[in-house]
């Protein structure tokens, strides 16, 4: 973790779109939360979505990640239209192609760090031995080689979030969706997590879509998308 550097990718070398959304809309009752949103995110790009509370950022992220279904529009991830998949195939696609990191880490309290990271691999069908080997490697990458057997209540907030990031990354997904991933961290740990995203992008070529209220941290990303009243405004 001490050697992490803030780097940027030359996006001219990116060869294809990783995520494309077209005309996404979502209403709850009569209130339009996401209003005709279209966007394109390139492979290996780190994009932050910013805007005031109630702008529709989290709902948009849930639509992009297949956690919620839009009233209209389409979402393509790595040229696969998720909305055209059956519920079973969509769940399998999410498990293998999308990683999620939330403000609250949602770690299983009775599981150790390495067991928490193994969970997506067990769901995927990996053997116990394969899962443990991959989880150990990923925890080493996020700087937690010495915390494998610790349970969440034995870890600091920053360490818990790094376990959650390792869990999101362990299946080597195409896209990481992060909703306020540093919202509960102090400024030092928040900076470390954002640097970690940058290094992981450089190491694995993964794409990150991140919601944040922290303008300084948003400026570390490749591109900032501004939302207001359910629309992209800049």
Protein backbone atom coordinates (compact mmCIF):
# COMPACT_ATOMS: atom_id res chain seq x y z
CA UNK A 1 0.00 0.00 0.00
CA UNK A 2 2.87 2.40 0.77
CA UNK A 3 4.14 2.27 -2.82
CA UNK A 4 0.84 3.09 -4.53
CA UNK A 5 1.10 5.86 -7.08
CA UNK A 6 -1.58 8.02 -8.65
CA UNK A 7 -1.43 7.19 -12.35
CA UNK A 8 -3.60 7.93 -15.33
CA UNK A 9 -4.22 5.73 -18.35
CA UNK A 10 -3.71 6.99 -21.88
CA UNK A 11 -7.28 6.46 -23.01
CA UNK A 12 -6.22 6.73 -26.64
CA UNK A 13 -4.96 3.15 -26.26
CA UNK A 14 -8.34 1.85 -25.08
CA UNK A 15 -9.74 -0.30 -27.87
CA UNK A 16 -13.42 -0.64 -27.10
CA UNK A 17 -16.33 0.42 -24.96
CA UNK A 18 -16.83 -1.57 -21.79
CA UNK A 19 -20.20 -0.12 -20.76
CA UNK A 20 -22.83 1.57 -22.88
CA UNK A 21 -26.17 2.80 -21.57
CA UNK A 22 -28.84 4.19 -23.87
CA UNK A 23 -31.89 6.20 -22.85
CA UNK A 24 -32.18 4.78 -19.34
CA UNK A 25 -35.22 5.93 -17.39
CA UNK A 26 -36.62 4.87 -14.03
CA UNK A 27 -39.67 6.07 -12.12
CA UNK A 28 -40.86 5.33 -8.61
CA UNK A 29 -44.58 6.07 -8.52
CA UNK A 30 -44.81 9.42 -10.33
CA UNK A 31 -41.26 10.56 -9.51
CA UNK A 32 -38.66 10.19 -12.27
CA UNK A 33 -35.35 9.27 -10.63
CA UNK A 34 -33.31 8.61 -13.78
CA UNK A 35 -34.42 10.55 -16.85
CA UNK A 36 -33.29 9.43 -20.32
CA UNK A 37 -29.61 8.89 -19.43
CA UNK A 38 -27.11 7.72 -22.05
CA UNK A 39 -23.39 7.25 -21.47
CA UNK A 40 -20.38 5.36 -22.75
CA UNK A 41 -17.44 4.18 -20.64
CA UNK A 42 -14.26 2.78 -22.17
CA UNK A 43 -12.36 -0.30 -21.06
CA UNK A 44 -9.85 0.60 -18.36
CA UNK A 45 -11.46 3.98 -17.63
CA UNK A 46 -12.19 5.21 -14.10
CA UNK A 47 -15.29 7.41 -14.10
CA UNK A 48 -16.80 9.23 -11.14
CA UNK A 49 -20.46 10.26 -10.99
CA UNK A 50 -21.10 13.32 -8.83
CA UNK A 51 -24.06 15.49 -7.97
CA UNK A 52 -26.30 16.56 -5.09
CA UNK A 53 -28.22 14.10 -2.95
CA UNK A 54 -31.34 12.99 -4.79
CA UNK A 55 -29.78 13.50 -8.23
CA UNK A 56 -30.30 9.83 -9.11
CA UNK A 57 -26.67 8.69 -8.88
CA UNK A 58 -27.21 5.51 -6.86
CA UNK A 59 -30.27 4.52 -8.88
CA UNK A 60 -28.26 4.97 -12.09
CA UNK A 61 -25.45 2.81 -10.69
CA UNK A 62 -27.95 0.10 -9.73
CA UNK A 63 -29.41 0.17 -13.24
CA UNK A 64 -25.95 -0.05 -14.81
CA UNK A 65 -25.05 -2.97 -12.56
CA UNK A 66 -28.27 -4.89 -13.10
CA UNK A 67 -29.37 -4.55 -9.47
CA UNK A 68 -32.50 -2.71 -10.63
CA UNK A 69 -34.46 -2.79 -13.89
CA UNK A 70 -35.12 0.39 -15.87
CA UNK A 71 -38.54 1.31 -17.20
CA UNK A 72 -36.89 1.89 -20.57
CA UNK A 73 -33.46 1.85 -22.15
CA UNK A 74 -30.60 -0.62 -22.48
CA UNK A 75 -27.31 -1.49 -20.76
CA UNK A 76 -24.50 -3.27 -22.58
CA UNK A 77 -21.47 -4.51 -20.66
CA UNK A 78 -18.66 -5.87 -22.80
CA UNK A 79 -21.18 -6.04 -25.69
CA UNK A 80 -23.68 -8.12 -23.68
CA UNK A 81 -27.18 -6.64 -23.28
CA UNK A 82 -27.97 -7.57 -19.69
CA UNK A 83 -31.66 -6.77 -19.97
CA UNK A 84 -32.06 -9.44 -22.63
CA UNK A 85 -30.78 -12.17 -20.31
CA UNK A 86 -33.04 -14.35 -18.18
CA UNK A 87 -33.00 -13.64 -14.44
CA UNK A 88 -30.77 -16.68 -13.84
CA UNK A 89 -28.31 -15.76 -16.59
CA UNK A 90 -28.29 -12.13 -15.47
CA UNK A 91 -27.34 -13.18 -11.93
CA UNK A 92 -24.54 -15.36 -13.30
CA UNK A 93 -23.36 -12.51 -15.54
CA UNK A 94 -23.25 -10.11 -12.58
CA UNK A 95 -21.24 -12.58 -10.52
CA UNK A 96 -18.59 -13.01 -13.21
CA UNK A 97 -18.51 -9.61 -14.93
CA UNK A 98 -19.45 -7.00 -12.30
CA UNK A 99 -17.95 -6.31 -8.88
CA UNK A 100 -19.75 -4.12 -6.33
CA UNK A 101 -18.26 -1.97 -3.56
CA UNK A 102 -20.62 -0.03 -1.30
CA UNK A 103 -20.25 2.62 1.40
CA UNK A 104 -21.11 -0.06 3.95
CA UNK A 105 -18.83 -3.00 3.31
CA UNK A 106 -21.47 -5.74 3.93
CA UNK A 107 -18.89 -8.26 5.12
CA UNK A 108 -20.20 -11.42 6.77
CA UNK A 109 -19.30 -10.94 10.46
CA UNK A 110 -18.86 -14.64 11.22
CA UNK A 111 -16.41 -15.11 8.31
CA UNK A 112 -12.69 -14.29 8.28
CA UNK A 113 -11.29 -11.86 5.72
CA UNK A 114 -10.21 -14.66 3.39
CA UNK A 115 -13.58 -16.44 3.72
CA UNK A 116 -15.41 -13.21 2.85
CA UNK A 117 -13.31 -12.84 -0.28
CA UNK A 118 -13.94 -16.50 -1.19
CA UNK A 119 -17.74 -16.07 -1.25
CA UNK A 120 -18.10 -14.89 -4.91
CA UNK A 121 -15.78 -17.70 -6.02
CA UNK A 122 -17.81 -20.30 -4.13
CA UNK A 123 -20.97 -18.95 -5.75
CA UNK A 124 -19.20 -19.18 -9.11
CA UNK A 125 -18.43 -22.84 -8.44
CA UNK A 126 -14.69 -22.75 -7.76
CA UNK A 127 -13.26 -25.45 -5.53
CA UNK A 128 -12.40 -24.54 -1.95
CA UNK A 129 -8.67 -24.81 -2.72
CA UNK A 130 -8.90 -22.62 -5.84
CA UNK A 131 -11.00 -20.03 -4.02
CA UNK A 132 -8.60 -19.79 -1.07
CA UNK A 133 -5.59 -19.42 -3.37
CA UNK A 134 -7.23 -16.63 -5.39
CA UNK A 135 -8.58 -14.89 -2.28
CA UNK A 136 -5.14 -14.99 -0.64
CA UNK A 137 -3.57 -13.46 -3.75
CA UNK A 138 -6.16 -10.67 -3.94
CA UNK A 139 -5.86 -9.83 -0.23
CA UNK A 140 -2.11 -9.57 -0.78
CA UNK A 141 -2.67 -7.15 -3.66
CA UNK A 142 -4.78 -4.86 -1.43
CA UNK A 143 -2.16 -5.01 1.32
CA UNK A 144 -3.81 -7.42 3.77
CA UNK A 145 -1.58 -10.50 3.61
CA UNK A 146 -1.21 -10.38 7.39
CA UNK A 147 -4.97 -10.14 8.09
CA UNK A 148 -6.30 -13.23 6.30
CA UNK A 149 -7.81 -14.91 9.36
CA UNK A 150 -9.14 -11.80 11.09
CA UNK A 151 -12.89 -11.30 11.29
CA UNK A 152 -14.41 -7.93 10.35
CA UNK A 153 -14.70 -6.74 13.98
CA UNK A 154 -10.93 -7.23 14.30
CA UNK A 155 -10.20 -4.94 11.35
CA UNK A 156 -10.14 -1.16 11.04
CA UNK A 157 -12.67 0.61 8.81
CA UNK A 158 -10.08 1.04 6.08
CA UNK A 159 -9.08 -2.62 6.29
CA UNK A 160 -12.72 -3.74 6.13
CA UNK A 161 -13.24 -1.70 2.98
CA UNK A 162 -10.10 -3.20 1.42
CA UNK A 163 -11.51 -6.68 2.14
CA UNK A 164 -14.71 -5.58 0.38
CA UNK A 165 -12.66 -4.34 -2.59
CA UNK A 166 -10.74 -7.63 -2.72
CA UNK A 167 -14.08 -9.48 -2.69
CA UNK A 168 -15.35 -7.33 -5.58
CA UNK A 169 -12.18 -7.92 -7.60
CA UNK A 170 -11.52 -11.60 -6.91
CA UNK A 171 -13.54 -12.86 -9.89
CA UNK A 172 -11.60 -10.41 -12.12
CA UNK A 173 -14.81 -8.72 -13.30
CA UNK A 174 -15.04 -6.46 -16.33
CA UNK A 175 -16.46 -3.54 -14.34
CA UNK A 176 -16.34 -2.44 -10.71
CA UNK A 177 -19.37 -0.44 -9.53
CA UNK A 178 -18.56 1.57 -6.39
CA UNK A 179 -21.23 3.54 -4.49
CA UNK A 180 -19.58 6.00 -2.07
CA UNK A 181 -16.77 3.49 -1.37
CA UNK A 182 -14.95 5.95 0.90
CA UNK A 183 -18.00 7.56 2.51
CA UNK A 184 -17.28 6.05 5.93
CA UNK A 185 -13.50 6.48 5.85
CA UNK A 186 -11.27 9.25 7.12
CA UNK A 187 -9.42 11.34 4.53
CA UNK A 188 -6.20 9.30 4.71
CA UNK A 189 -7.92 5.96 4.17
CA UNK A 190 -10.16 7.47 1.50
CA UNK A 191 -7.10 8.65 -0.40
CA UNK A 192 -5.52 5.20 -0.08
CA UNK A 193 -8.64 3.49 -1.44
CA UNK A 194 -8.77 5.80 -4.46
CA UNK A 195 -5.07 5.22 -5.11
CA UNK A 196 -5.76 1.50 -4.84
CA UNK A 197 -8.45 1.75 -7.54
CA UNK A 198 -5.94 3.47 -9.81
CA UNK A 199 -3.29 0.82 -9.26
CA UNK A 200 -5.75 -2.03 -9.75
CA UNK A 201 -6.91 -0.48 -13.02
CA UNK A 202 -3.30 -0.28 -14.18
CA UNK A 203 -2.62 -3.86 -13.03
CA UNK A 204 -5.74 -5.60 -14.37
CA UNK A 205 -7.19 -3.17 -16.91
CA UNK A 206 -10.52 -3.12 -15.12
CA UNK A 207 -13.10 -0.40 -15.52
CA UNK A 208 -14.41 1.52 -12.50
CA UNK A 209 -17.66 3.48 -12.19
CA UNK A 210 -17.73 5.31 -8.87
CA UNK A 211 -20.18 7.57 -7.06
CA UNK A 212 -18.59 10.04 -4.67
CA UNK A 213 -19.45 13.29 -2.89
CA UNK A 214 -15.75 14.08 -2.45
CA UNK A 215 -14.78 16.53 -5.21
CA UNK A 216 -11.05 16.24 -4.50
CA UNK A 217 -11.17 12.47 -4.87
CA UNK A 218 -13.38 12.67 -7.95
CA UNK A 219 -10.70 14.79 -9.62
CA UNK A 220 -8.31 11.81 -9.31
CA UNK A 221 -10.45 9.86 -11.79
CA UNK A 222 -10.20 9.97 -15.58
CA UNK A 223 -13.57 11.61 -16.10
CA UNK A 224 -16.31 13.19 -14.00
CA UNK A 225 -19.99 12.84 -14.92
CA UNK A 226 -22.29 15.37 -13.25
CA UNK A 227 -25.90 14.45 -12.47
CA UNK A 228 -28.79 16.66 -11.44
CA UNK A 229 -32.52 15.91 -11.30
CA UNK A 230 -32.03 12.49 -12.85
CA UNK A 231 -30.09 13.72 -15.86
CA UNK A 232 -26.44 14.01 -16.89
CA UNK A 233 -25.66 17.71 -17.02
CA UNK A 234 -21.94 17.76 -17.75
